[in-house]
């Protein structure tokens, strides 16, 4: 089942991919930043941004996995209690 967290994770992972695949949007020399053309510093800028977005997606994924494991553990405890009562 797909929930909102899954959608957010996918969006976070796809943003850097689309930003770097859209080459015509940043295929320019100007504006220069410290003598480096826009084409290069735009790509270099996406390195830490992509890492940050990946980190956020990983944290969301881990939180989702932990909450799923807690839910499975809680349901297992409930079912073992109901078996003991019988």
PDB file of N, CA and C in Angstrom:
ATOM      1  N   UNK A   1       0.839  -1.167   0.000  1.00  0.00           N
ATOM      2  CA  UNK A   1       0.000   0.000   0.000  1.00  0.00           C
ATOM      3  C   UNK A   1       0.897   1.248   0.000  1.00  0.00           C
ATOM      4  N   UNK A   2       0.560   2.196  -0.796  1.00  0.00           N
ATOM      5  CA  UNK A   2       1.326   3.437  -0.906  1.00  0.00           C
ATOM      6  C   UNK A   2       0.675   4.495  -0.021  1.00  0.00           C
ATOM      7  N   UNK A   3       1.494   5.099   0.835  1.00  0.00           N
ATOM      8  CA  UNK A   3       0.972   6.174   1.664  1.00  0.00           C
ATOM      9  C   UNK A   3       1.714   7.470   1.357  1.00  0.00           C
ATOM     10  N   UNK A   4       1.393   8.502   2.073  1.00  0.00           N
ATOM     11  CA  UNK A   4       1.961   9.829   1.793  1.00  0.00           C
ATOM     12  C   UNK A   4       3.470   9.855   1.995  1.00  0.00           C
ATOM     13  N   UNK A   5       3.972   9.093   2.949  1.00  0.00           N
ATOM     14  CA  UNK A   5       5.415   9.064   3.190  1.00  0.00           C
ATOM     15  C   UNK A   5       6.153   8.499   1.990  1.00  0.00           C
ATOM     16  N   UNK A   6       5.604   7.479   1.362  1.00  0.00           N
ATOM     17  CA  UNK A   6       6.220   6.905   0.170  1.00  0.00           C
ATOM     18  C   UNK A   6       6.299   7.926  -0.955  1.00  0.00           C
ATOM     19  N   UNK A   7       5.247   8.683  -1.124  1.00  0.00           N
ATOM     20  CA  UNK A   7       5.223   9.698  -2.181  1.00  0.00           C
ATOM     21  C   UNK A   7       6.268  10.773  -1.907  1.00  0.00           C
ATOM     22  N   UNK A   8       6.382  11.215  -0.666  1.00  0.00           N
ATOM     23  CA  UNK A   8       7.373  12.232  -0.305  1.00  0.00           C
ATOM     24  C   UNK A   8       8.779  11.708  -0.551  1.00  0.00           C
ATOM     25  N   UNK A   9       9.046  10.461  -0.195  1.00  0.00           N
ATOM     26  CA  UNK A   9      10.360   9.870  -0.407  1.00  0.00           C
ATOM     27  C   UNK A   9      10.700   9.834  -1.889  1.00  0.00           C
ATOM     28  N   UNK A  10       9.775   9.416  -2.714  1.00  0.00           N
ATOM     29  CA  UNK A  10      10.017   9.356  -4.158  1.00  0.00           C
ATOM     30  C   UNK A  10      10.270  10.750  -4.724  1.00  0.00           C
ATOM     31  N   UNK A  11       9.490  11.713  -4.301  1.00  0.00           N
ATOM     32  CA  UNK A  11       9.671  13.085  -4.786  1.00  0.00           C
ATOM     33  C   UNK A  11      11.042  13.611  -4.384  1.00  0.00           C
ATOM     34  N   UNK A  12      11.449  13.357  -3.145  1.00  0.00           N
ATOM     35  CA  UNK A  12      12.758  13.818  -2.688  1.00  0.00           C
ATOM     36  C   UNK A  12      13.889  13.192  -3.489  1.00  0.00           C
ATOM     37  N   UNK A  13      13.729  11.948  -3.907  1.00  0.00           N
ATOM     38  CA  UNK A  13      14.770  11.285  -4.676  1.00  0.00           C
ATOM     39  C   UNK A  13      14.764  11.667  -6.154  1.00  0.00           C
ATOM     40  N   UNK A  14      13.619  12.079  -6.657  1.00  0.00           N
ATOM     41  CA  UNK A  14      13.512  12.406  -8.087  1.00  0.00           C
ATOM     42  C   UNK A  14      13.914  13.856  -8.372  1.00  0.00           C
ATOM     43  N   UNK A  15      13.791  14.742  -7.397  1.00  0.00           N
ATOM     44  CA  UNK A  15      14.108  16.161  -7.618  1.00  0.00           C
ATOM     45  C   UNK A  15      15.517  16.369  -8.169  1.00  0.00           C
ATOM     46  N   UNK A  16      16.576  15.819  -7.533  1.00  0.00           N
ATOM     47  CA  UNK A  16      17.919  16.045  -8.093  1.00  0.00           C
ATOM     48  C   UNK A  16      18.091  15.425  -9.479  1.00  0.00           C
ATOM     49  N   UNK A  17      17.471  14.280  -9.686  1.00  0.00           N
ATOM     50  CA  UNK A  17      17.566  13.625 -10.987  1.00  0.00           C
ATOM     51  C   UNK A  17      16.992  14.512 -12.090  1.00  0.00           C
ATOM     52  N   UNK A  18      15.800  15.024 -11.869  1.00  0.00           N
ATOM     53  CA  UNK A  18      15.179  15.887 -12.873  1.00  0.00           C
ATOM     54  C   UNK A  18      15.923  17.207 -13.042  1.00  0.00           C
ATOM     55  N   UNK A  19      16.425  17.741 -11.935  1.00  0.00           N
ATOM     56  CA  UNK A  19      17.150  19.012 -12.008  1.00  0.00           C
ATOM     57  C   UNK A  19      18.415  18.882 -12.839  1.00  0.00           C
ATOM     58  N   UNK A  20      19.067  17.746 -12.777  1.00  0.00           N
ATOM     59  CA  UNK A  20      20.308  17.564 -13.531  1.00  0.00           C
ATOM     60  C   UNK A  20      20.067  17.002 -14.925  1.00  0.00           C
ATOM     61  N   UNK A  21      18.933  16.378 -15.157  1.00  0.00           N
ATOM     62  CA  UNK A  21      18.630  15.887 -16.502  1.00  0.00           C
ATOM     63  C   UNK A  21      18.088  16.987 -17.408  1.00  0.00           C
ATOM     64  N   UNK A  22      17.626  18.067 -16.849  1.00  0.00           N
ATOM     65  CA  UNK A  22      17.090  19.186 -17.640  1.00  0.00           C
ATOM     66  C   UNK A  22      18.242  20.099 -18.054  1.00  0.00           C
ATOM     67  N   UNK A  23      19.145  19.573 -18.837  1.00  0.00           N
ATOM     68  CA  UNK A  23      20.368  20.296 -19.205  1.00  0.00           C
ATOM     69  C   UNK A  23      20.082  21.633 -19.889  1.00  0.00           C
ATOM     70  N   UNK A  24      19.126  21.742 -20.787  1.00  0.00           N
ATOM     71  CA  UNK A  24      18.901  23.050 -21.429  1.00  0.00           C
ATOM     72  C   UNK A  24      18.564  24.173 -20.446  1.00  0.00           C
ATOM     73  N   UNK A  25      18.066  23.841 -19.272  1.00  0.00           N
ATOM     74  CA  UNK A  25      17.708  24.893 -18.318  1.00  0.00           C
ATOM     75  C   UNK A  25      18.932  25.526 -17.666  1.00  0.00           C
ATOM     76  N   UNK A  26      20.057  24.816 -17.637  1.00  0.00           N
ATOM     77  CA  UNK A  26      21.255  25.378 -17.012  1.00  0.00           C
ATOM     78  C   UNK A  26      22.467  25.382 -17.945  1.00  0.00           C
ATOM     79  N   UNK A  27      22.261  25.161 -19.219  1.00  0.00           N
ATOM     80  CA  UNK A  27      23.349  25.170 -20.180  1.00  0.00           C
ATOM     81  C   UNK A  27      23.654  26.613 -20.584  1.00  0.00           C
ATOM     82  N   UNK A  28      24.339  27.320 -19.696  1.00  0.00           N
ATOM     83  CA  UNK A  28      24.663  28.724 -19.931  1.00  0.00           C
ATOM     84  C   UNK A  28      26.004  29.047 -19.290  1.00  0.00           C
ATOM     85  N   UNK A  29      26.627  30.072 -19.783  1.00  0.00           N
ATOM     86  CA  UNK A  29      27.908  30.518 -19.228  1.00  0.00           C
ATOM     87  C   UNK A  29      27.661  31.506 -18.100  1.00  0.00           C
ATOM     88  N   UNK A  30      26.719  32.414 -18.306  1.00  0.00           N
ATOM     89  CA  UNK A  30      26.437  33.430 -17.297  1.00  0.00           C
ATOM     90  C   UNK A  30      25.236  33.016 -16.472  1.00  0.00           C
ATOM     91  N   UNK A  31      25.157  33.332 -15.245  1.00  0.00           N
ATOM     92  CA  UNK A  31      26.043  34.165 -14.446  1.00  0.00           C
ATOM     93  C   UNK A  31      27.264  33.381 -13.946  1.00  0.00           C
ATOM     94  N   UNK A  32      28.378  34.068 -13.912  1.00  0.00           N
ATOM     95  CA  UNK A  32      29.601  33.485 -13.361  1.00  0.00           C
ATOM     96  C   UNK A  32      29.587  33.615 -11.847  1.00  0.00           C
ATOM     97  N   UNK A  33      30.187  32.656 -11.188  1.00  0.00           N
ATOM     98  CA  UNK A  33      30.324  32.701  -9.742  1.00  0.00           C
ATOM     99  C   UNK A  33      31.777  32.383  -9.426  1.00  0.00           C
ATOM    100  N   UNK A  34      32.531  33.412  -9.113  1.00  0.00           N
ATOM    101  CA  UNK A  34      33.956  33.235  -8.837  1.00  0.00           C
ATOM    102  C   UNK A  34      34.735  32.783 -10.052  1.00  0.00           C
ATOM    103  N   UNK A  35      34.323  33.193 -11.229  1.00  0.00           N
ATOM    104  CA  UNK A  35      35.000  32.805 -12.455  1.00  0.00           C
ATOM    105  C   UNK A  35      34.562  31.464 -13.016  1.00  0.00           C
ATOM    106  N   UNK A  36      33.626  30.799 -12.344  1.00  0.00           N
ATOM    107  CA  UNK A  36      33.123  29.504 -12.805  1.00  0.00           C
ATOM    108  C   UNK A  36      31.773  29.734 -13.460  1.00  0.00           C
ATOM    109  N   UNK A  37      31.601  29.157 -14.647  1.00  0.00           N
ATOM    110  CA  UNK A  37      30.351  29.375 -15.375  1.00  0.00           C
ATOM    111  C   UNK A  37      29.182  28.688 -14.666  1.00  0.00           C
ATOM    112  N   UNK A  38      27.992  29.173 -14.975  1.00  0.00           N
ATOM    113  CA  UNK A  38      26.758  28.682 -14.360  1.00  0.00           C
ATOM    114  C   UNK A  38      26.613  27.179 -14.542  1.00  0.00           C
ATOM    115  N   UNK A  39      26.981  26.669 -15.696  1.00  0.00           N
ATOM    116  CA  UNK A  39      26.841  25.248 -15.995  1.00  0.00           C
ATOM    117  C   UNK A  39      27.527  24.391 -14.945  1.00  0.00           C
ATOM    118  N   UNK A  40      28.717  24.779 -14.554  1.00  0.00           N
ATOM    119  CA  UNK A  40      29.485  23.974 -13.603  1.00  0.00           C
ATOM    120  C   UNK A  40      29.041  24.181 -12.160  1.00  0.00           C
ATOM    121  N   UNK A  41      28.835  25.434 -11.762  1.00  0.00           N
ATOM    122  CA  UNK A  41      28.474  25.619 -10.365  1.00  0.00           C
ATOM    123  C   UNK A  41      27.062  25.147 -10.058  1.00  0.00           C
ATOM    124  N   UNK A  42      26.203  25.123 -11.070  1.00  0.00           N
ATOM    125  CA  UNK A  42      24.861  24.561 -10.871  1.00  0.00           C
ATOM    126  C   UNK A  42      24.963  23.077 -10.544  1.00  0.00           C
ATOM    127  N   UNK A  43      25.791  22.345 -11.289  1.00  0.00           N
ATOM    128  CA  UNK A  43      25.967  20.920 -11.038  1.00  0.00           C
ATOM    129  C   UNK A  43      26.625  20.671  -9.685  1.00  0.00           C
ATOM    130  N   UNK A  44      27.612  21.473  -9.354  1.00  0.00           N
ATOM    131  CA  UNK A  44      28.288  21.322  -8.070  1.00  0.00           C
ATOM    132  C   UNK A  44      27.337  21.658  -6.925  1.00  0.00           C
ATOM    133  N   UNK A  45      26.460  22.631  -7.130  1.00  0.00           N
ATOM    134  CA  UNK A  45      25.476  22.981  -6.108  1.00  0.00           C
ATOM    135  C   UNK A  45      24.553  21.806  -5.794  1.00  0.00           C
ATOM    136  N   UNK A  46      24.234  21.009  -6.812  1.00  0.00           N
ATOM    137  CA  UNK A  46      23.317  19.890  -6.594  1.00  0.00           C
ATOM    138  C   UNK A  46      23.954  18.729  -5.851  1.00  0.00           C
ATOM    139  N   UNK A  47      25.268  18.712  -5.722  1.00  0.00           N
ATOM    140  CA  UNK A  47      25.896  17.625  -4.945  1.00  0.00           C
ATOM    141  C   UNK A  47      25.458  17.659  -3.481  1.00  0.00           C
ATOM    142  N   UNK A  48      25.668  18.763  -2.758  1.00  0.00           N
ATOM    143  CA  UNK A  48      25.191  18.767  -1.370  1.00  0.00           C
ATOM    144  C   UNK A  48      23.665  18.792  -1.260  1.00  0.00           C
ATOM    145  N   UNK A  49      22.989  19.452  -2.213  1.00  0.00           N
ATOM    146  CA  UNK A  49      21.527  19.453  -2.171  1.00  0.00           C
ATOM    147  C   UNK A  49      20.967  18.047  -2.357  1.00  0.00           C
ATOM    148  N   UNK A  50      21.529  17.315  -3.311  1.00  0.00           N
ATOM    149  CA  UNK A  50      21.091  15.936  -3.533  1.00  0.00           C
ATOM    150  C   UNK A  50      21.373  15.054  -2.331  1.00  0.00           C
ATOM    151  N   UNK A  51      22.543  15.254  -1.706  1.00  0.00           N
ATOM    152  CA  UNK A  51      22.872  14.483  -0.513  1.00  0.00           C
ATOM    153  C   UNK A  51      21.906  14.807   0.624  1.00  0.00           C
ATOM    154  N   UNK A  52      21.561  16.073   0.774  1.00  0.00           N
ATOM    155  CA  UNK A  52      20.620  16.481   1.816  1.00  0.00           C
ATOM    156  C   UNK A  52      19.242  15.873   1.568  1.00  0.00           C
ATOM    157  N   UNK A  53      18.783  15.918   0.331  1.00  0.00           N
ATOM    158  CA  UNK A  53      17.473  15.342   0.013  1.00  0.00           C
ATOM    159  C   UNK A  53      17.480  13.828   0.208  1.00  0.00           C
ATOM    160  N   UNK A  54      18.582  13.179  -0.151  1.00  0.00           N
ATOM    161  CA  UNK A  54      18.701  11.740   0.070  1.00  0.00           C
ATOM    162  C   UNK A  54      18.687  11.419   1.560  1.00  0.00           C
ATOM    163  N   UNK A  55      19.372  12.227   2.355  1.00  0.00           N
ATOM    164  CA  UNK A  55      19.401  12.024   3.798  1.00  0.00           C
ATOM    165  C   UNK A  55      17.994  12.141   4.393  1.00  0.00           C
ATOM    166  N   UNK A  56      17.265  13.159   3.969  1.00  0.00           N
ATOM    167  CA  UNK A  56      15.895  13.337   4.467  1.00  0.00           C
ATOM    168  C   UNK A  56      15.029  12.138   4.074  1.00  0.00           C
ATOM    169  N   UNK A  57      15.182  11.667   2.830  1.00  0.00           N
ATOM    170  CA  UNK A  57      14.417  10.500   2.383  1.00  0.00           C
ATOM    171  C   UNK A  57      14.790   9.268   3.197  1.00  0.00           C
ATOM    172  N   UNK A  58      16.069   9.101   3.518  1.00  0.00           N
ATOM    173  CA  UNK A  58      16.505   7.948   4.309  1.00  0.00           C
ATOM    174  C   UNK A  58      15.942   8.008   5.723  1.00  0.00           C
ATOM    175  N   UNK A  59      15.922   9.188   6.318  1.00  0.00           N
ATOM    176  CA  UNK A  59      15.357   9.336   7.661  1.00  0.00           C
ATOM    177  C   UNK A  59      13.860   9.017   7.642  1.00  0.00           C
ATOM    178  N   UNK A  60      13.159   9.513   6.646  1.00  0.00           N
ATOM    179  CA  UNK A  60      11.729   9.204   6.533  1.00  0.00           C
ATOM    180  C   UNK A  60      11.506   7.704   6.366  1.00  0.00           C
ATOM    181  N   UNK A  61      12.343   7.077   5.548  1.00  0.00           N
ATOM    182  CA  UNK A  61      12.229   5.641   5.310  1.00  0.00           C
ATOM    183  C   UNK A  61      12.463   4.860   6.603  1.00  0.00           C
ATOM    184  N   UNK A  62      13.511   5.237   7.344  1.00  0.00           N
ATOM    185  CA  UNK A  62      13.801   4.545   8.605  1.00  0.00           C
ATOM    186  C   UNK A  62      12.678   4.732   9.615  1.00  0.00           C
ATOM    187  N   UNK A  63      12.142   5.949   9.703  1.00  0.00           N
ATOM    188  CA  UNK A  63      11.027   6.182  10.619  1.00  0.00           C
ATOM    189  C   UNK A  63       9.809   5.351  10.226  1.00  0.00           C
ATOM    190  N   UNK A  64       9.581   5.238   8.931  1.00  0.00           N
ATOM    191  CA  UNK A  64       8.446   4.445   8.454  1.00  0.00           C
ATOM    192  C   UNK A  64       8.660   2.968   8.783  1.00  0.00           C
ATOM    193  N   UNK A  65       9.875   2.479   8.594  1.00  0.00           N
ATOM    194  CA  UNK A  65      10.171   1.084   8.900  1.00  0.00           C
ATOM    195  C   UNK A  65      10.023   0.802  10.402  1.00  0.00           C
ATOM    196  N   UNK A  66      10.500   1.729  11.227  1.00  0.00           N
ATOM    197  CA  UNK A  66      10.386   1.544  12.674  1.00  0.00           C
ATOM    198  C   UNK A  66       8.928   1.530  13.114  1.00  0.00           C
ATOM    199  N   UNK A  67       8.135   2.447  12.561  1.00  0.00           N
ATOM    200  CA  UNK A  67       6.722   2.480  12.953  1.00  0.00           C
ATOM    201  C   UNK A  67       6.002   1.237  12.445  1.00  0.00           C
ATOM    202  N   UNK A  68       6.396   0.732  11.298  1.00  0.00           N
ATOM    203  CA  UNK A  68       5.803  -0.506  10.780  1.00  0.00           C
ATOM    204  C   UNK A  68       6.171  -1.691  11.640  1.00  0.00           C
ATOM    205  N   UNK A  69       7.423  -1.738  12.104  1.00  0.00           N
ATOM    206  CA  UNK A  69       7.851  -2.832  12.974  1.00  0.00           C
ATOM    207  C   UNK A  69       7.133  -2.764  14.317  1.00  0.00           C
ATOM    208  N   UNK A  70       6.914  -1.548  14.822  1.00  0.00           N
ATOM    209  CA  UNK A  70       6.179  -1.401  16.079  1.00  0.00           C
ATOM    210  C   UNK A  70       4.745  -1.868  15.920  1.00  0.00           C
ATOM    211  N   UNK A  71       4.144  -1.553  14.778  1.00  0.00           N
ATOM    212  CA  UNK A  71       2.760  -1.961  14.544  1.00  0.00           C
ATOM    213  C   UNK A  71       2.662  -3.485  14.442  1.00  0.00           C
ATOM    214  N   UNK A  72       3.641  -4.101  13.778  1.00  0.00           N
ATOM    215  CA  UNK A  72       3.640  -5.558  13.664  1.00  0.00           C
ATOM    216  C   UNK A  72       3.853  -6.181  15.031  1.00  0.00           C
ATOM    217  N   UNK A  73       4.770  -5.617  15.819  1.00  0.00           N
ATOM    218  CA  UNK A  73       5.009  -6.138  17.165  1.00  0.00           C
ATOM    219  C   UNK A  73       3.796  -6.005  18.052  1.00  0.00           C
ATOM    220  N   UNK A  74       3.098  -4.884  17.942  1.00  0.00           N
ATOM    221  CA  UNK A  74       1.896  -4.669  18.757  1.00  0.00           C
ATOM    222  C   UNK A  74       0.800  -5.648  18.373  1.00  0.00           C
ATOM    223  N   UNK A  75       0.624  -5.891  17.099  1.00  0.00           N
ATOM    224  CA  UNK A  75      -0.414  -6.832  16.677  1.00  0.00           C
ATOM    225  C   UNK A  75      -0.040  -8.248  17.076  1.00  0.00           C
ATOM    226  N   UNK A  76       1.259  -8.567  17.065  1.00  0.00           N
ATOM    227  CA  UNK A  76       1.684  -9.905  17.493  1.00  0.00           C
ATOM    228  C   UNK A  76       1.437 -10.083  18.986  1.00  0.00           C
ATOM    229  N   UNK A  77       1.690  -9.023  19.765  1.00  0.00           N
ATOM    230  CA  UNK A  77       1.433  -9.109  21.200  1.00  0.00           C
ATOM    231  C   UNK A  77      -0.056  -9.281  21.476  1.00  0.00           C
ATOM    232  N   UNK A  78      -0.884  -8.552  20.717  1.00  0.00           N
ATOM    233  CA  UNK A  78      -2.330  -8.676  20.908  1.00  0.00           C
ATOM    234  C   UNK A  78      -2.798 -10.087  20.576  1.00  0.00           C
ATOM    235  N   UNK A  79      -2.288 -10.662  19.486  1.00  0.00           N
ATOM    236  CA  UNK A  79      -2.739 -11.998  19.098  1.00  0.00           C
ATOM    237  C   UNK A  79      -2.241 -13.050  20.083  1.00  0.00           C
ATOM    238  N   UNK A  80      -1.037 -12.855  20.653  1.00  0.00           N
ATOM    239  CA  UNK A  80      -0.559 -13.838  21.641  1.00  0.00           C
ATOM    240  C   UNK A  80      -1.368 -13.730  22.936  1.00  0.00           C
ATOM    241  N   UNK A  81      -1.808 -12.539  23.294  1.00  0.00           N
ATOM    242  CA  UNK A  81      -2.653 -12.372  24.483  1.00  0.00           C
ATOM    243  C   UNK A  81      -3.998 -13.066  24.270  1.00  0.00           C
ATOM    244  N   UNK A  82      -4.544 -12.906  23.082  1.00  0.00           N
ATOM    245  CA  UNK A  82      -5.860 -13.503  22.841  1.00  0.00           C
ATOM    246  C   UNK A  82      -5.742 -15.030  22.812  1.00  0.00           C
ATOM    247  N   UNK A  83      -4.622 -15.585  22.394  1.00  0.00           N
ATOM    248  CA  UNK A  83      -4.443 -17.028  22.413  1.00  0.00           C
ATOM    249  C   UNK A  83      -4.321 -17.536  23.846  1.00  0.00           C
ATOM    250  N   UNK A  84      -3.678 -16.756  24.706  1.00  0.00           N
ATOM    251  CA  UNK A  84      -3.529 -17.178  26.104  1.00  0.00           C
ATOM    252  C   UNK A  84      -4.869 -17.164  26.824  1.00  0.00           C
ATOM    253  N   UNK A  85      -5.755 -16.270  26.475  1.00  0.00           N
ATOM    254  CA  UNK A  85      -7.061 -16.159  27.138  1.00  0.00           C
ATOM    255  C   UNK A  85      -7.955 -17.350  26.823  1.00  0.00           C
ATOM    256  N   UNK A  86      -7.760 -17.956  25.697  1.00  0.00           N
ATOM    257  CA  UNK A  86      -8.635 -19.055  25.260  1.00  0.00           C
ATOM    258  C   UNK A  86      -8.403 -20.275  26.033  1.00  0.00           C
TER     259      UNK A  86
END
